[in-house]
Amino acid sequence: MKIKKKLSLFIIIALIVAIAVIVTYYSGIFVPNYLKQGNFETSVIERGNVVSAINASGVVESENEVLILSPATSIIKTILKEPGSSVKAGETILILDKEQVQSDIERLSDELEVKKNNLEKNRLNAQGTRLDLGYNEEVKKLKISSLKSQLADQKQLLEVGGISPARLEQTKQEITLAEKDLQTLIEKNSIRLKQLAADEKGLLLQINMDEKVLKEKMELLNKLTVRAPSSGIILAINGHEGEKVNSDRMLVRMSDLTTFKIIGSVEEQNAKQIKTGKQVLVTIDDETLEGRIGNITPLVENSKIQFNVHLKNSNHPKLIANQQVQIKIINNSKQNVLRVKKLPEFEKSGSYKVFVIDGNEAIKKEINIGLIGYDSCEVVSGLNEGEVIISDGANFYRHLNEIEIKN
């Protein structure tokens, strides 16, 4: 019982002492009424912009991704670059098996040579045929000329009675038949020449088609060595050595590193304030870049939502892939207003008391704060441009209305 009484008495005394200390602290009895230079910080009232924003975080990513597809069904023979590797334009990333394509190229080359040889034979045959056809036509024409000459002689003989009229009529019939025979021959020769031209055209078409296929195979052979289309970073390789891959399967995903965007994330509680087109400020190494919110991911992961930020200067030299950055999503802003550095006590708009330096004194004044920004606050009334307030180091003096400032 005695111990309990002593313990109770000790607790009561401790409480009295604590209360006395608190009262003494807030009464300022032991606090001097002056401040020394260098023991406090100040802030100047100035004109400028006040921006209210929500804090978010983000990661720098390439704005443009490049997908490299498999040019043909093949097997991955060699992988020369791993995900995360930097590559230059034209640098080899991986090599696909070329054996089948090389075999096709050899077969097509042989077939093409055979068809070119056939074309040459066809042209020689056509040349010989044209000569034969032309010769036959000339023979027919000469025969007709001979018959016509014979007819003229017979007409003279008929006048003197040296030939019968029947023989003259026979010659005329022979001429008519020869002319019809010549016309038929000319028409047949024309058809034959067209056939020869069609045969040559057909061979040329086959050769052209084979040449196109061969060219495609040669291009495919080159594509089986998969190269970077531009400088960038390998993000993913879809496959491993020895694996069969089908045509048009995604083999490589890489960024081109020419322009960048930010993948931002913000707490779910602020989701309603994230809207497409909203202005944001991105801080990188004490430098601020402007941007706008793009696509917003509707799904919530780890109590956060994600969104894209498209930067006004998307190729800024300080942007580096996978870099962590701070984002401020602008809710409200005011331009060219009186502003003061944001102090810890400025939590919301309203009236506050601050010490304003006037010569060798700091005088307490009541001010009205408007828009609360992320680094400064709007001064609605109570202060003028150029005035200086104590921003830190005057907490112990809040019970005073004036403080003397000593050197």
Protein backbone atom coordinates (compact mmCIF):
# COMPACT_ATOMS: atom_id res chain seq x y z
CA MET A 1 0.00 0.00 0.00
CA LYS A 2 2.83 2.40 0.80
CA ILE A 3 4.47 1.62 -2.53
CA LYS A 4 1.22 2.34 -4.39
CA LYS A 5 0.83 5.63 -2.60
CA LYS A 6 4.39 6.64 -3.42
CA LEU A 7 3.86 5.67 -7.09
CA SER A 8 0.65 7.68 -7.28
CA LEU A 9 2.35 10.67 -5.69
CA PHE A 10 5.22 10.40 -8.19
CA ILE A 11 2.83 10.34 -11.16
CA ILE A 12 0.96 13.38 -9.86
CA ILE A 13 4.20 15.32 -9.37
CA ALA A 14 5.37 14.34 -12.90
CA LEU A 15 2.09 15.56 -14.39
CA ILE A 16 2.35 18.86 -12.51
CA VAL A 17 5.91 19.35 -13.74
CA ALA A 18 4.90 18.52 -17.35
CA ILE A 19 2.00 20.96 -17.22
CA ALA A 20 4.26 23.62 -15.78
CA VAL A 21 6.80 23.09 -18.56
CA ILE A 22 4.10 23.33 -21.24
CA VAL A 23 2.61 26.47 -19.70
CA THR A 24 6.07 27.99 -19.38
CA TYR A 25 6.84 27.13 -23.02
CA TYR A 26 3.72 28.71 -24.39
CA SER A 27 3.86 31.69 -22.06
CA GLY A 28 7.31 32.59 -23.37
CA ILE A 29 8.56 33.52 -19.88
CA PHE A 30 12.07 32.21 -20.56
CA VAL A 31 12.15 33.18 -24.24
CA PRO A 32 13.98 36.45 -25.02
CA ASN A 33 12.18 39.09 -27.06
CA TYR A 34 14.89 39.29 -29.70
CA LEU A 35 16.34 37.23 -32.54
CA LYS A 36 19.91 37.13 -33.74
CA GLN A 37 20.80 37.41 -37.41
CA GLY A 38 21.54 34.00 -38.87
CA ASN A 39 19.24 32.18 -36.47
CA PHE A 40 16.19 32.38 -38.73
CA GLU A 41 15.18 32.09 -42.37
CA THR A 42 13.21 34.57 -44.45
CA SER A 43 11.01 34.59 -47.52
CA VAL A 44 10.31 37.49 -49.87
CA ILE A 45 6.79 38.31 -51.05
CA GLU A 46 6.84 38.38 -54.84
CA ARG A 47 4.64 38.13 -57.87
CA GLY A 48 4.43 34.91 -59.79
CA ASN A 49 2.40 31.80 -60.49
CA VAL A 50 0.81 29.61 -57.84
CA VAL A 51 0.12 26.04 -58.88
CA SER A 52 -1.95 23.51 -56.94
CA ALA A 53 -1.05 19.93 -57.80
CA ILE A 54 -1.30 16.28 -56.81
CA ASN A 55 1.94 14.39 -56.33
CA ALA A 56 2.54 11.28 -58.42
CA SER A 57 5.49 9.20 -59.50
CA GLY A 58 6.53 7.94 -62.88
CA VAL A 59 9.02 6.03 -64.99
CA VAL A 60 10.51 7.21 -68.28
CA GLU A 61 9.73 4.90 -71.19
CA SER A 62 10.26 5.06 -74.91
CA GLU A 63 7.32 6.70 -76.63
CA ASN A 64 7.74 4.47 -79.69
CA GLU A 65 8.28 0.75 -79.48
CA VAL A 66 9.51 -1.34 -82.41
CA LEU A 67 8.26 -4.90 -82.88
CA ILE A 68 10.37 -7.18 -85.08
CA LEU A 69 8.46 -10.17 -86.49
CA SER A 70 9.87 -13.44 -87.75
CA PRO A 71 10.24 -13.15 -91.56
CA ALA A 72 9.59 -16.89 -92.04
CA THR A 73 9.03 -20.15 -90.23
CA SER A 74 12.49 -21.08 -89.03
CA ILE A 75 14.66 -21.99 -86.05
CA ILE A 76 16.56 -19.56 -83.85
CA LYS A 77 20.22 -20.44 -84.36
CA THR A 78 22.03 -17.71 -82.41
CA ILE A 79 20.98 -14.90 -80.03
CA LEU A 80 23.61 -12.17 -79.90
CA LYS A 81 21.81 -9.57 -77.75
CA GLU A 82 19.94 -9.95 -74.48
CA PRO A 83 17.05 -7.85 -73.09
CA GLY A 84 18.39 -4.58 -71.72
CA SER A 85 21.19 -4.40 -74.29
CA SER A 86 21.76 -1.21 -76.23
CA VAL A 87 21.98 -1.62 -79.99
CA LYS A 88 22.82 0.63 -82.90
CA ALA A 89 20.92 0.75 -86.18
CA GLY A 90 21.87 -2.25 -88.34
CA GLU A 91 23.44 -4.22 -85.48
CA THR A 92 22.63 -7.95 -85.45
CA ILE A 93 20.29 -9.10 -82.66
CA LEU A 94 19.76 -12.77 -83.57
CA ILE A 95 20.18 -15.17 -86.49
CA LEU A 96 17.57 -17.61 -87.81
CA ASP A 97 18.36 -20.87 -89.62
CA LYS A 98 19.09 -20.18 -93.33
CA GLU A 99 19.52 -23.74 -94.68
CA GLN A 100 16.03 -24.13 -96.22
CA VAL A 101 16.07 -20.68 -97.83
CA GLN A 102 19.56 -21.24 -99.25
CA SER A 103 18.38 -24.57 -100.73
CA ASP A 104 15.38 -22.83 -102.30
CA ILE A 105 17.66 -20.18 -103.78
CA GLU A 106 19.92 -22.80 -105.36
CA ARG A 107 16.93 -24.70 -106.83
CA LEU A 108 15.32 -21.52 -108.18
CA SER A 109 18.64 -20.39 -109.70
CA ASP A 110 18.98 -23.72 -111.55
CA GLU A 111 15.38 -23.63 -112.77
CA LEU A 112 15.85 -20.06 -113.91
CA GLU A 113 18.92 -20.96 -115.94
CA VAL A 114 17.00 -23.82 -117.63
CA LYS A 115 14.15 -21.48 -118.56
CA LYS A 116 16.53 -18.84 -119.89
CA ASN A 117 18.16 -21.55 -122.01
CA ASN A 118 14.72 -22.61 -123.28
CA LEU A 119 13.96 -19.01 -124.12
CA GLU A 120 17.13 -18.77 -126.18
CA LYS A 121 16.25 -22.01 -128.00
CA ASN A 122 12.74 -20.73 -128.63
CA ARG A 123 14.08 -17.50 -130.11
CA LEU A 124 16.43 -19.41 -132.43
CA ASN A 125 13.61 -21.72 -133.52
CA ALA A 126 11.37 -18.74 -134.08
CA GLN A 127 14.05 -17.10 -136.20
CA GLY A 128 14.36 -20.23 -138.37
CA THR A 129 10.59 -20.53 -138.67
CA ARG A 130 10.27 -16.92 -139.80
CA LEU A 131 12.85 -17.56 -142.51
CA ASP A 132 10.97 -20.66 -143.70
CA LEU A 133 7.64 -18.87 -143.67
CA GLY A 134 9.06 -15.91 -145.55
CA TYR A 135 10.66 -18.23 -148.12
CA ASN A 136 7.37 -20.06 -148.74
CA GLU A 137 5.57 -16.77 -149.28
CA GLU A 138 8.20 -15.65 -151.78
CA VAL A 139 7.88 -18.95 -153.69
CA LYS A 140 4.10 -18.49 -153.91
CA LYS A 141 4.48 -14.91 -155.10
CA LEU A 142 7.01 -15.92 -157.76
CA LYS A 143 4.67 -18.65 -159.00
CA ILE A 144 1.84 -16.11 -159.31
CA SER A 145 4.12 -13.71 -161.18
CA SER A 146 5.12 -16.53 -163.54
CA LEU A 147 1.49 -17.45 -164.19
CA LYS A 148 0.56 -13.85 -164.86
CA SER A 149 3.44 -13.53 -167.33
CA GLN A 150 2.32 -16.78 -168.98
CA LEU A 151 -1.23 -15.42 -169.19
CA ALA A 152 -0.03 -12.30 -171.02
CA ASP A 153 1.81 -14.45 -173.58
CA GLN A 154 -1.23 -16.67 -174.05
CA LYS A 155 -3.43 -13.65 -174.73
CA GLN A 156 -1.16 -12.68 -177.62
CA LEU A 157 -1.15 -16.20 -178.96
CA LEU A 158 -4.94 -16.33 -178.73
CA GLU A 159 -5.18 -13.31 -181.03
CA VAL A 160 -3.20 -15.07 -183.76
CA GLY A 161 -4.89 -18.40 -183.13
CA GLY A 162 -1.87 -20.03 -181.57
CA ILE A 163 -3.73 -21.19 -178.45
CA SER A 164 -7.21 -22.25 -177.57
CA PRO A 165 -9.48 -20.15 -175.34
CA ALA A 166 -9.79 -23.11 -172.97
CA ARG A 167 -6.04 -23.03 -172.25
CA LEU A 168 -6.28 -19.32 -171.47
CA GLU A 169 -9.12 -19.93 -169.02
CA GLN A 170 -7.13 -22.69 -167.37
CA THR A 171 -4.23 -20.30 -166.75
CA LYS A 172 -6.56 -17.74 -165.24
CA GLN A 173 -7.94 -20.37 -162.88
CA GLU A 174 -4.42 -21.38 -161.90
CA ILE A 175 -3.63 -17.75 -161.08
CA THR A 176 -6.78 -17.43 -158.95
CA LEU A 177 -5.97 -20.63 -157.05
CA ALA A 178 -2.36 -19.52 -156.52
CA GLU A 179 -3.48 -16.15 -155.14
CA LYS A 180 -5.90 -17.87 -152.75
CA ASP A 181 -3.17 -20.28 -151.74
CA LEU A 182 -0.83 -17.32 -151.08
CA GLN A 183 -3.47 -15.56 -148.98
CA THR A 184 -4.06 -18.71 -146.93
CA LEU A 185 -0.33 -19.12 -146.45
CA ILE A 186 0.03 -15.51 -145.31
CA GLU A 187 -2.78 -15.97 -142.77
CA LYS A 188 -1.31 -19.25 -141.48
CA ASN A 189 2.13 -17.66 -141.22
CA SER A 190 0.65 -14.76 -139.25
CA ILE A 191 -0.96 -17.21 -136.82
CA ARG A 192 2.29 -19.15 -136.52
CA LEU A 193 4.26 -15.97 -135.82
CA LYS A 194 1.75 -15.00 -133.13
CA GLN A 195 2.14 -18.46 -131.58
CA LEU A 196 5.89 -18.02 -131.54
CA ALA A 197 5.52 -14.58 -129.92
CA ALA A 198 3.08 -16.03 -127.35
CA ASP A 199 5.53 -18.85 -126.55
CA GLU A 200 8.31 -16.31 -125.99
CA LYS A 201 6.04 -14.10 -123.89
CA GLY A 202 5.04 -17.12 -121.77
CA LEU A 203 8.67 -18.04 -121.17
CA LEU A 204 9.49 -14.41 -120.32
CA LEU A 205 6.61 -14.31 -117.81
CA GLN A 206 7.83 -17.51 -116.17
CA ILE A 207 11.37 -16.14 -116.02
CA ASN A 208 10.17 -12.82 -114.57
CA MET A 209 8.09 -14.64 -111.96
CA ASP A 210 11.01 -16.86 -111.02
CA GLU A 211 13.32 -13.84 -110.84
CA LYS A 212 10.86 -12.12 -108.46
CA VAL A 213 10.63 -15.24 -106.29
CA LEU A 214 14.42 -15.54 -106.32
CA LYS A 215 14.75 -11.86 -105.35
CA GLU A 216 12.26 -12.38 -102.50
CA LYS A 217 14.22 -15.42 -101.33
CA MET A 218 17.46 -13.41 -101.42
CA GLU A 219 15.80 -10.63 -99.38
CA LEU A 220 14.41 -13.25 -96.99
CA LEU A 221 17.89 -14.73 -96.62
CA ASN A 222 19.12 -11.30 -95.55
CA LYS A 223 16.17 -10.84 -93.16
CA LEU A 224 16.99 -14.12 -91.40
CA THR A 225 19.83 -12.14 -89.88
CA VAL A 226 17.60 -10.03 -87.63
CA ARG A 227 19.05 -6.54 -87.28
CA ALA A 228 17.99 -3.47 -85.29
CA PRO A 229 16.02 -1.10 -87.56
CA SER A 230 17.14 1.84 -85.40
CA SER A 231 19.27 2.55 -82.36
CA GLY A 232 17.60 1.65 -79.09
CA ILE A 233 17.32 -0.79 -76.21
CA ILE A 234 16.19 -4.41 -76.42
CA LEU A 235 13.13 -4.78 -74.20
CA ALA A 236 12.32 -8.45 -74.85
CA ILE A 237 13.34 -11.41 -77.02
CA ASN A 238 10.55 -13.92 -77.57
CA GLY A 239 12.34 -17.22 -77.93
CA HIS A 240 15.55 -19.11 -77.22
CA GLU A 241 18.25 -20.79 -79.28
CA GLY A 242 17.02 -23.96 -80.99
CA GLU A 243 13.35 -22.98 -80.77
CA LYS A 244 11.17 -23.14 -83.88
CA VAL A 245 9.32 -19.91 -84.63
CA ASN A 246 6.46 -19.39 -87.06
CA SER A 247 6.26 -16.66 -89.66
CA ASP A 248 5.10 -13.26 -88.31
CA ARG A 249 5.71 -14.28 -84.70
CA MET A 250 7.00 -11.43 -82.55
CA LEU A 251 10.72 -12.02 -82.07
CA VAL A 252 12.08 -8.78 -80.64
CA ARG A 253 10.52 -5.83 -78.84
CA MET A 254 12.71 -2.76 -78.58
CA SER A 255 12.52 0.97 -77.99
CA ASP A 256 13.90 3.44 -80.52
CA LEU A 257 15.06 6.03 -77.90
CA THR A 258 14.21 8.99 -80.13
CA THR A 259 11.30 10.23 -78.03
CA PHE A 260 10.04 9.37 -74.56
CA LYS A 261 6.88 9.36 -72.50
CA ILE A 262 6.21 8.91 -68.79
CA ILE A 263 4.24 6.04 -67.26
CA GLY A 264 2.77 7.68 -64.16
CA SER A 265 1.02 6.16 -61.16
CA VAL A 266 -1.10 7.81 -58.50
CA GLU A 267 -3.02 6.68 -55.43
CA GLU A 268 -6.50 5.31 -56.13
CA GLN A 269 -8.05 7.99 -53.90
CA ASN A 270 -6.98 10.63 -56.44
CA ALA A 271 -8.37 8.73 -59.43
CA LYS A 272 -11.21 11.20 -60.06
CA GLN A 273 -8.72 14.01 -60.56
CA ILE A 274 -6.82 12.16 -63.29
CA LYS A 275 -8.27 13.16 -66.64
CA THR A 276 -7.00 12.92 -70.21
CA GLY A 277 -5.54 16.22 -71.38
CA LYS A 278 -4.78 17.52 -67.90
CA GLN A 279 -1.52 19.42 -67.55
CA VAL A 280 1.34 17.90 -65.58
CA LEU A 281 4.82 18.97 -64.55
CA VAL A 282 7.63 16.40 -64.54
CA THR A 283 10.75 17.06 -62.47
CA ILE A 284 14.07 15.65 -63.69
CA ASP A 285 17.29 16.71 -61.97
CA ASP A 286 15.78 19.99 -60.73
CA GLU A 287 14.48 20.73 -64.22
CA THR A 288 10.74 20.87 -64.95
CA LEU A 289 9.18 19.57 -68.16
CA GLU A 290 5.58 20.23 -69.21
CA GLY A 291 3.24 17.50 -70.42
CA ARG A 292 -0.32 16.29 -70.76
CA ILE A 293 -2.07 13.17 -69.50
CA GLY A 294 -2.83 10.68 -72.29
CA ASN A 295 -4.37 7.23 -71.88
CA ILE A 296 -5.51 6.22 -68.41
CA THR A 297 -5.45 2.57 -67.33
CA PRO A 298 -8.87 1.77 -65.83
CA LEU A 299 -7.58 -1.16 -63.75
CA VAL A 300 -6.32 -0.61 -60.20
CA GLU A 301 -3.11 -2.37 -59.18
CA ASN A 302 -1.64 -2.14 -55.69
CA SER A 303 -4.15 0.64 -54.87
CA LYS A 304 -2.79 2.75 -57.74
CA ILE A 305 -3.86 3.64 -61.25
CA GLN A 306 -1.52 4.24 -64.16
CA PHE A 307 -1.58 6.83 -66.91
CA ASN A 308 0.59 8.01 -69.79
CA VAL A 309 2.18 11.46 -69.86
CA HIS A 310 3.09 12.89 -73.27
CA LEU A 311 5.79 15.51 -72.86
CA LYS A 312 5.96 18.77 -74.77
CA ASN A 313 9.69 18.20 -75.21
CA SER A 314 9.72 14.43 -75.59
CA ASN A 315 13.34 14.27 -76.80
CA HIS A 316 14.85 16.28 -73.92
CA PRO A 317 18.48 15.19 -73.39
CA LYS A 318 17.90 14.42 -69.69
CA LEU A 319 15.26 11.79 -70.46
CA ILE A 320 16.68 8.30 -69.91
CA ALA A 321 14.77 5.02 -70.21
CA ASN A 322 13.66 3.49 -66.86
CA GLN A 323 14.49 6.72 -65.02
CA GLN A 324 12.34 7.45 -61.93
CA VAL A 325 10.73 10.91 -61.96
CA GLN A 326 8.36 13.00 -59.86
CA ILE A 327 5.09 14.18 -61.39
CA LYS A 328 2.78 16.98 -60.32
CA ILE A 329 -0.74 16.84 -61.74
CA ILE A 330 -2.08 20.39 -62.00
CA ASN A 331 -5.49 20.93 -60.36
CA ASN A 332 -5.58 24.72 -60.27
CA SER A 333 -3.27 27.63 -60.99
CA LYS A 334 -3.21 31.40 -60.79
CA GLN A 335 -0.96 33.63 -62.82
CA ASN A 336 0.92 36.75 -61.70
CA VAL A 337 -0.38 36.91 -58.13
CA LEU A 338 1.29 37.86 -54.85
CA ARG A 339 2.81 34.73 -53.46
CA VAL A 340 4.86 33.50 -50.55
CA LYS A 341 6.86 30.37 -49.93
CA LYS A 342 4.63 27.56 -48.67
CA LEU A 343 5.09 27.18 -44.90
CA PRO A 344 4.23 24.01 -42.94
CA GLU A 345 1.31 25.76 -41.21
CA PHE A 346 -0.28 26.80 -44.52
CA GLU A 347 -2.46 23.75 -44.87
CA LYS A 348 -5.58 25.39 -46.31
CA SER A 349 -6.90 28.80 -47.35
CA GLY A 350 -7.60 31.19 -44.49
CA SER A 351 -6.04 33.62 -42.01
CA TYR A 352 -2.57 33.18 -40.54
CA LYS A 353 -0.17 35.28 -38.49
CA VAL A 354 3.40 35.83 -39.59
CA PHE A 355 6.32 38.05 -38.58
CA VAL A 356 7.16 40.73 -41.14
CA ILE A 357 10.64 42.23 -40.95
CA ASP A 358 10.66 46.01 -40.63
CA GLY A 359 14.19 47.32 -40.17
CA ASN A 360 15.53 45.91 -36.90
CA GLU A 361 12.14 44.55 -35.90
CA ALA A 362 9.84 41.73 -36.86
CA ILE A 363 6.20 42.71 -36.45
CA LYS A 364 3.40 40.16 -36.30
CA LYS A 365 0.75 40.62 -39.01
CA GLU A 366 -2.39 38.77 -39.93
CA ILE A 367 -2.52 37.68 -43.57
CA ASN A 368 -5.03 35.86 -45.75
CA ILE A 369 -3.88 32.94 -47.84
CA GLY A 370 -5.80 31.93 -51.00
CA LEU A 371 -4.73 29.14 -53.34
CA ILE A 372 -2.33 26.67 -51.73
CA GLY A 373 0.27 25.55 -54.25
CA TYR A 374 2.85 22.77 -54.06
CA ASP A 375 5.72 25.18 -53.34
CA SER A 376 4.09 28.60 -52.81
CA CYS A 377 0.80 30.12 -51.66
CA GLU A 378 -1.29 33.01 -52.91
CA VAL A 379 -1.31 36.06 -50.62
CA VAL A 380 -4.81 37.57 -50.74
CA SER A 381 -4.20 40.35 -48.22
CA GLY A 382 -1.93 41.51 -45.39
CA LEU A 383 1.34 41.66 -47.31
CA ASN A 384 2.83 43.72 -50.12
CA GLU A 385 5.27 42.82 -52.87
CA GLY A 386 8.86 43.04 -51.65
CA GLU A 387 8.07 42.56 -47.96
CA VAL A 388 10.05 39.92 -46.09
CA ILE A 389 8.63 37.46 -43.56
CA ILE A 390 10.33 35.05 -41.17
CA SER A 391 9.67 31.63 -42.67
CA ASP A 392 11.55 29.55 -40.09
CA GLY A 393 13.03 30.10 -36.61
CA ALA A 394 10.24 32.14 -34.95
CA ASN A 395 8.12 29.39 -33.43
CA PHE A 396 9.26 30.21 -29.89
CA TYR A 397 8.18 33.83 -30.35
CA ARG A 398 4.58 33.35 -31.46
CA HIS A 399 3.32 34.72 -28.09
CA LEU A 400 4.98 38.06 -28.96
CA ASN A 401 3.70 40.78 -31.29
CA GLU A 402 7.14 42.24 -31.96
CA ILE A 403 10.64 40.81 -32.00
CA GLU A 404 13.85 42.76 -31.95
CA ILE A 405 16.49 41.64 -34.44
CA LYS A 406 20.10 41.90 -33.32
CA ASN A 407 23.33 41.38 -35.20
